[in-house]
């Protein structure tokens, strides 16, 4: 039974989470030729004060500029 763990930022939109889990499950079921019921997806939501990148907490990094 494949277990897929995704660590990322908090997602507040429950419908987006549902869609993501369904999409990942469908892809894994196809790849492994298993029924969807055999695929486990675990979402671990992390706050910016608990994640470091390049030796710096994300919460301490300057905000990224949005692409135009």
PDB file of N, CA and C in Angstrom:
ATOM      1  N   UNK A   1       0.841  -1.168   0.000  1.00  0.00           N
ATOM      2  CA  UNK A   1       0.000   0.000   0.000  1.00  0.00           C
ATOM      3  C   UNK A   1       0.895   1.243   0.000  1.00  0.00           C
ATOM      4  N   UNK A   2       0.931   2.012  -1.087  1.00  0.00           N
ATOM      5  CA  UNK A   2       1.729   3.233  -1.138  1.00  0.00           C
ATOM      6  C   UNK A   2       1.175   4.291  -0.181  1.00  0.00           C
ATOM      7  N   UNK A   3       2.100   4.930   0.517  1.00  0.00           N
ATOM      8  CA  UNK A   3       1.748   6.060   1.368  1.00  0.00           C
ATOM      9  C   UNK A   3       2.470   7.275   0.809  1.00  0.00           C
ATOM     10  N   UNK A   4       1.710   8.300   0.491  1.00  0.00           N
ATOM     11  CA  UNK A   4       2.265   9.524  -0.076  1.00  0.00           C
ATOM     12  C   UNK A   4       2.126  10.612   0.972  1.00  0.00           C
ATOM     13  N   UNK A   5       3.246  11.191   1.366  1.00  0.00           N
ATOM     14  CA  UNK A   5       3.239  12.244   2.378  1.00  0.00           C
ATOM     15  C   UNK A   5       3.633  13.554   1.714  1.00  0.00           C
ATOM     16  N   UNK A   6       2.832  14.568   1.940  1.00  0.00           N
ATOM     17  CA  UNK A   6       3.094  15.887   1.374  1.00  0.00           C
ATOM     18  C   UNK A   6       3.241  16.869   2.526  1.00  0.00           C
ATOM     19  N   UNK A   7       4.408  17.472   2.646  1.00  0.00           N
ATOM     20  CA  UNK A   7       4.647  18.518   3.637  1.00  0.00           C
ATOM     21  C   UNK A   7       4.580  19.856   2.918  1.00  0.00           C
ATOM     22  N   UNK A   8       3.795  20.773   3.458  1.00  0.00           N
ATOM     23  CA  UNK A   8       3.673  22.073   2.821  1.00  0.00           C
ATOM     24  C   UNK A   8       2.985  23.072   3.727  1.00  0.00           C
ATOM     25  N   UNK A   9       2.718  24.248   3.189  1.00  0.00           N
ATOM     26  CA  UNK A   9       2.055  25.284   3.985  1.00  0.00           C
ATOM     27  C   UNK A   9       0.584  24.944   4.212  1.00  0.00           C
ATOM     28  N   UNK A  10      -0.012  25.614   5.171  1.00  0.00           N
ATOM     29  CA  UNK A  10      -1.423  25.403   5.483  1.00  0.00           C
ATOM     30  C   UNK A  10      -2.287  25.828   4.300  1.00  0.00           C
ATOM     31  N   UNK A  11      -3.256  24.988   3.982  1.00  0.00           N
ATOM     32  CA  UNK A  11      -4.240  25.282   2.936  1.00  0.00           C
ATOM     33  C   UNK A  11      -5.597  25.343   3.626  1.00  0.00           C
ATOM     34  N   UNK A  12      -6.243  26.489   3.557  1.00  0.00           N
ATOM     35  CA  UNK A  12      -7.511  26.655   4.271  1.00  0.00           C
ATOM     36  C   UNK A  12      -8.718  26.238   3.445  1.00  0.00           C
ATOM     37  N   UNK A  13      -8.554  26.159   2.141  1.00  0.00           N
ATOM     38  CA  UNK A  13      -9.670  25.797   1.263  1.00  0.00           C
ATOM     39  C   UNK A  13      -9.815  24.276   1.224  1.00  0.00           C
ATOM     40  N   UNK A  14     -10.825  23.762   1.906  1.00  0.00           N
ATOM     41  CA  UNK A  14     -11.032  22.316   2.002  1.00  0.00           C
ATOM     42  C   UNK A  14     -11.302  21.684   0.640  1.00  0.00           C
ATOM     43  N   UNK A  15     -11.974  22.395  -0.245  1.00  0.00           N
ATOM     44  CA  UNK A  15     -12.229  21.856  -1.589  1.00  0.00           C
ATOM     45  C   UNK A  15     -10.935  21.684  -2.377  1.00  0.00           C
ATOM     46  N   UNK A  16      -9.988  22.597  -2.208  1.00  0.00           N
ATOM     47  CA  UNK A  16      -8.696  22.458  -2.878  1.00  0.00           C
ATOM     48  C   UNK A  16      -7.946  21.241  -2.341  1.00  0.00           C
ATOM     49  N   UNK A  17      -8.048  21.002  -1.039  1.00  0.00           N
ATOM     50  CA  UNK A  17      -7.414  19.814  -0.461  1.00  0.00           C
ATOM     51  C   UNK A  17      -8.039  18.550  -1.033  1.00  0.00           C
ATOM     52  N   UNK A  18      -9.355  18.524  -1.112  1.00  0.00           N
ATOM     53  CA  UNK A  18     -10.045  17.357  -1.678  1.00  0.00           C
ATOM     54  C   UNK A  18      -9.585  17.093  -3.107  1.00  0.00           C
ATOM     55  N   UNK A  19      -9.524  18.161  -3.896  1.00  0.00           N
ATOM     56  CA  UNK A  19      -9.108  18.032  -5.299  1.00  0.00           C
ATOM     57  C   UNK A  19      -7.664  17.536  -5.384  1.00  0.00           C
ATOM     58  N   UNK A  20      -6.796  18.062  -4.541  1.00  0.00           N
ATOM     59  CA  UNK A  20      -5.393  17.653  -4.544  1.00  0.00           C
ATOM     60  C   UNK A  20      -5.258  16.173  -4.199  1.00  0.00           C
ATOM     61  N   UNK A  21      -5.921  15.746  -3.127  1.00  0.00           N
ATOM     62  CA  UNK A  21      -5.847  14.343  -2.703  1.00  0.00           C
ATOM     63  C   UNK A  21      -6.395  13.427  -3.793  1.00  0.00           C
ATOM     64  N   UNK A  22      -7.471  13.820  -4.431  1.00  0.00           N
ATOM     65  CA  UNK A  22      -8.039  13.004  -5.510  1.00  0.00           C
ATOM     66  C   UNK A  22      -7.068  12.899  -6.685  1.00  0.00           C
ATOM     67  N   UNK A  23      -6.454  14.021  -7.054  1.00  0.00           N
ATOM     68  CA  UNK A  23      -5.521  14.035  -8.185  1.00  0.00           C
ATOM     69  C   UNK A  23      -4.293  13.172  -7.897  1.00  0.00           C
ATOM     70  N   UNK A  24      -3.721  13.328  -6.707  1.00  0.00           N
ATOM     71  CA  UNK A  24      -2.541  12.542  -6.330  1.00  0.00           C
ATOM     72  C   UNK A  24      -2.893  11.058  -6.258  1.00  0.00           C
ATOM     73  N   UNK A  25      -4.050  10.754  -5.700  1.00  0.00           N
ATOM     74  CA  UNK A  25      -4.489   9.356  -5.593  1.00  0.00           C
ATOM     75  C   UNK A  25      -4.670   8.736  -6.970  1.00  0.00           C
ATOM     76  N   UNK A  26      -5.323   9.449  -7.876  1.00  0.00           N
ATOM     77  CA  UNK A  26      -5.522   8.937  -9.232  1.00  0.00           C
ATOM     78  C   UNK A  26      -4.186   8.666  -9.925  1.00  0.00           C
ATOM     79  N   UNK A  27      -3.229   9.592  -9.769  1.00  0.00           N
ATOM     80  CA  UNK A  27      -1.923   9.425 -10.411  1.00  0.00           C
ATOM     81  C   UNK A  27      -1.187   8.212  -9.841  1.00  0.00           C
ATOM     82  N   UNK A  28      -1.200   8.069  -8.527  1.00  0.00           N
ATOM     83  CA  UNK A  28      -0.504   6.944  -7.897  1.00  0.00           C
ATOM     84  C   UNK A  28      -1.170   5.611  -8.251  1.00  0.00           C
ATOM     85  N   UNK A  29      -2.493   5.591  -8.260  1.00  0.00           N
ATOM     86  CA  UNK A  29      -3.207   4.355  -8.610  1.00  0.00           C
ATOM     87  C   UNK A  29      -2.865   3.935 -10.033  1.00  0.00           C
ATOM     88  N   UNK A  30      -2.773   4.891 -10.934  1.00  0.00           N
ATOM     89  CA  UNK A  30      -2.411   4.595 -12.318  1.00  0.00           C
ATOM     90  C   UNK A  30      -0.964   4.097 -12.410  1.00  0.00           C
ATOM     91  N   UNK A  31      -0.059   4.774 -11.738  1.00  0.00           N
ATOM     92  CA  UNK A  31       1.356   4.413 -11.780  1.00  0.00           C
ATOM     93  C   UNK A  31       1.598   3.008 -11.231  1.00  0.00           C
ATOM     94  N   UNK A  32       0.984   2.695 -10.106  1.00  0.00           N
ATOM     95  CA  UNK A  32       1.211   1.412  -9.457  1.00  0.00           C
ATOM     96  C   UNK A  32       0.228   0.320  -9.877  1.00  0.00           C
ATOM     97  N   UNK A  33      -0.717   0.673 -10.724  1.00  0.00           N
ATOM     98  CA  UNK A  33      -1.748  -0.280 -11.164  1.00  0.00           C
ATOM     99  C   UNK A  33      -2.466  -0.899  -9.957  1.00  0.00           C
ATOM    100  N   UNK A  34      -2.878  -0.023  -9.043  1.00  0.00           N
ATOM    101  CA  UNK A  34      -3.587  -0.438  -7.836  1.00  0.00           C
ATOM    102  C   UNK A  34      -4.934   0.275  -7.763  1.00  0.00           C
ATOM    103  N   UNK A  35      -5.870  -0.282  -7.020  1.00  0.00           N
ATOM    104  CA  UNK A  35      -7.121   0.438  -6.817  1.00  0.00           C
ATOM    105  C   UNK A  35      -6.877   1.674  -5.953  1.00  0.00           C
ATOM    106  N   UNK A  36      -7.703   2.694  -6.149  1.00  0.00           N
ATOM    107  CA  UNK A  36      -7.545   3.932  -5.381  1.00  0.00           C
ATOM    108  C   UNK A  36      -7.620   3.685  -3.880  1.00  0.00           C
ATOM    109  N   UNK A  37      -8.363   2.660  -3.488  1.00  0.00           N
ATOM    110  CA  UNK A  37      -8.521   2.371  -2.063  1.00  0.00           C
ATOM    111  C   UNK A  37      -7.205   1.926  -1.407  1.00  0.00           C
ATOM    112  N   UNK A  38      -6.216   1.579  -2.210  1.00  0.00           N
ATOM    113  CA  UNK A  38      -4.926   1.134  -1.675  1.00  0.00           C
ATOM    114  C   UNK A  38      -3.952   2.295  -1.472  1.00  0.00           C
ATOM    115  N   UNK A  39      -4.321   3.497  -1.890  1.00  0.00           N
ATOM    116  CA  UNK A  39      -3.421   4.650  -1.832  1.00  0.00           C
ATOM    117  C   UNK A  39      -3.768   5.496  -0.605  1.00  0.00           C
ATOM    118  N   UNK A  40      -2.743   5.817   0.182  1.00  0.00           N
ATOM    119  CA  UNK A  40      -2.913   6.676   1.353  1.00  0.00           C
ATOM    120  C   UNK A  40      -2.170   7.986   1.092  1.00  0.00           C
ATOM    121  N   UNK A  41      -2.843   9.111   1.303  1.00  0.00           N
ATOM    122  CA  UNK A  41      -2.221  10.428   1.151  1.00  0.00           C
ATOM    123  C   UNK A  41      -2.294  11.132   2.505  1.00  0.00           C
ATOM    124  N   UNK A  42      -1.140  11.543   3.005  1.00  0.00           N
ATOM    125  CA  UNK A  42      -1.060  12.267   4.273  1.00  0.00           C
ATOM    126  C   UNK A  42      -0.620  13.698   3.995  1.00  0.00           C
ATOM    127  N   UNK A  43      -1.404  14.662   4.441  1.00  0.00           N
ATOM    128  CA  UNK A  43      -1.050  16.073   4.290  1.00  0.00           C
ATOM    129  C   UNK A  43      -0.547  16.586   5.631  1.00  0.00           C
ATOM    130  N   UNK A  44       0.663  17.070   5.645  1.00  0.00           N
ATOM    131  CA  UNK A  44       1.248  17.662   6.859  1.00  0.00           C
ATOM    132  C   UNK A  44       1.403  19.153   6.607  1.00  0.00           C
ATOM    133  N   UNK A  45       0.621  19.939   7.318  1.00  0.00           N
ATOM    134  CA  UNK A  45       0.666  21.390   7.129  1.00  0.00           C
ATOM    135  C   UNK A  45       1.617  22.005   8.150  1.00  0.00           C
ATOM    136  N   UNK A  46       2.509  22.822   7.645  1.00  0.00           N
ATOM    137  CA  UNK A  46       3.532  23.440   8.479  1.00  0.00           C
ATOM    138  C   UNK A  46       3.422  24.953   8.438  1.00  0.00           C
ATOM    139  N   UNK A  47       3.533  25.569   9.581  1.00  0.00           N
ATOM    140  CA  UNK A  47       3.510  27.031   9.630  1.00  0.00           C
ATOM    141  C   UNK A  47       4.901  27.565   9.294  1.00  0.00           C
ATOM    142  N   UNK A  48       4.994  28.792   8.787  1.00  0.00           N
ATOM    143  CA  UNK A  48       6.285  29.359   8.369  1.00  0.00           C
ATOM    144  C   UNK A  48       7.317  29.453   9.498  1.00  0.00           C
ATOM    145  N   UNK A  49       6.867  29.426  10.755  1.00  0.00           N
ATOM    146  CA  UNK A  49       7.830  29.483  11.858  1.00  0.00           C
ATOM    147  C   UNK A  49       8.385  28.106  12.203  1.00  0.00           C
ATOM    148  N   UNK A  50       7.944  27.068  11.472  1.00  0.00           N
ATOM    149  CA  UNK A  50       8.452  25.716  11.692  1.00  0.00           C
ATOM    150  C   UNK A  50       9.190  25.149  10.485  1.00  0.00           C
ATOM    151  N   UNK A  51       9.498  26.007   9.501  1.00  0.00           N
ATOM    152  CA  UNK A  51      10.172  25.541   8.283  1.00  0.00           C
ATOM    153  C   UNK A  51      11.349  26.460   7.987  1.00  0.00           C
ATOM    154  N   UNK A  52      12.505  25.861   7.780  1.00  0.00           N
ATOM    155  CA  UNK A  52      13.682  26.629   7.417  1.00  0.00           C
ATOM    156  C   UNK A  52      14.143  26.289   6.013  1.00  0.00           C
ATOM    157  N   UNK A  53      14.572  27.292   5.276  1.00  0.00           N
ATOM    158  CA  UNK A  53      15.131  27.113   3.938  1.00  0.00           C
ATOM    159  C   UNK A  53      16.415  27.924   3.875  1.00  0.00           C
ATOM    160  N   UNK A  54      17.479  27.284   3.469  1.00  0.00           N
ATOM    161  CA  UNK A  54      18.759  27.986   3.352  1.00  0.00           C
ATOM    162  C   UNK A  54      19.259  28.522   4.684  1.00  0.00           C
ATOM    163  N   UNK A  55      18.935  27.825   5.764  1.00  0.00           N
ATOM    164  CA  UNK A  55      19.416  28.240   7.079  1.00  0.00           C
ATOM    165  C   UNK A  55      18.603  29.350   7.719  1.00  0.00           C
ATOM    166  N   UNK A  56      17.435  29.643   7.149  1.00  0.00           N
ATOM    167  CA  UNK A  56      16.621  30.747   7.657  1.00  0.00           C
ATOM    168  C   UNK A  56      15.163  30.309   7.730  1.00  0.00           C
ATOM    169  N   UNK A  57      14.488  30.661   8.835  1.00  0.00           N
ATOM    170  CA  UNK A  57      13.067  30.357   8.920  1.00  0.00           C
ATOM    171  C   UNK A  57      12.312  31.116   7.839  1.00  0.00           C
ATOM    172  N   UNK A  58      11.317  30.469   7.265  1.00  0.00           N
ATOM    173  CA  UNK A  58      10.526  31.119   6.215  1.00  0.00           C
ATOM    174  C   UNK A  58       9.888  32.398   6.730  1.00  0.00           C
ATOM    175  N   UNK A  59       9.466  32.391   7.981  1.00  0.00           N
ATOM    176  CA  UNK A  59       8.805  33.562   8.549  1.00  0.00           C
ATOM    177  C   UNK A  59       9.743  34.775   8.588  1.00  0.00           C
ATOM    178  N   UNK A  60      11.051  34.532   8.598  1.00  0.00           N
ATOM    179  CA  UNK A  60      12.038  35.614   8.658  1.00  0.00           C
ATOM    180  C   UNK A  60      12.498  36.095   7.287  1.00  0.00           C
ATOM    181  N   UNK A  61      12.076  35.426   6.231  1.00  0.00           N
ATOM    182  CA  UNK A  61      12.493  35.810   4.886  1.00  0.00           C
ATOM    183  C   UNK A  61      11.656  36.984   4.388  1.00  0.00           C
ATOM    184  N   UNK A  62      12.238  37.833   3.555  1.00  0.00           N
ATOM    185  CA  UNK A  62      11.439  38.928   2.988  1.00  0.00           C
ATOM    186  C   UNK A  62      10.364  38.378   2.069  1.00  0.00           C
ATOM    187  N   UNK A  63       9.230  39.063   1.988  1.00  0.00           N
ATOM    188  CA  UNK A  63       8.147  38.571   1.109  1.00  0.00           C
ATOM    189  C   UNK A  63       8.596  38.530  -0.344  1.00  0.00           C
ATOM    190  N   UNK A  64       8.114  37.495  -1.066  1.00  0.00           N
ATOM    191  CA  UNK A  64       8.449  37.374  -2.493  1.00  0.00           C
ATOM    192  C   UNK A  64       7.576  38.301  -3.299  1.00  0.00           C
ATOM    193  N   UNK A  65       8.154  38.869  -4.338  1.00  0.00           N
ATOM    194  CA  UNK A  65       7.380  39.722  -5.241  1.00  0.00           C
ATOM    195  C   UNK A  65       6.584  38.845  -6.176  1.00  0.00           C
ATOM    196  N   UNK A  66       5.340  39.232  -6.443  1.00  0.00           N
ATOM    197  CA  UNK A  66       4.488  38.472  -7.367  1.00  0.00           C
ATOM    198  C   UNK A  66       4.926  38.735  -8.796  1.00  0.00           C
ATOM    199  N   UNK A  67       4.874  37.680  -9.610  1.00  0.00           N
ATOM    200  CA  UNK A  67       5.209  37.820 -11.030  1.00  0.00           C
ATOM    201  C   UNK A  67       4.117  38.615 -11.729  1.00  0.00           C
ATOM    202  N   UNK A  68       4.545  39.449 -12.635  1.00  0.00           N
ATOM    203  CA  UNK A  68       3.572  40.266 -13.374  1.00  0.00           C
ATOM    204  C   UNK A  68       3.062  39.553 -14.587  1.00  0.00           C
TER     205      UNK A  68
END
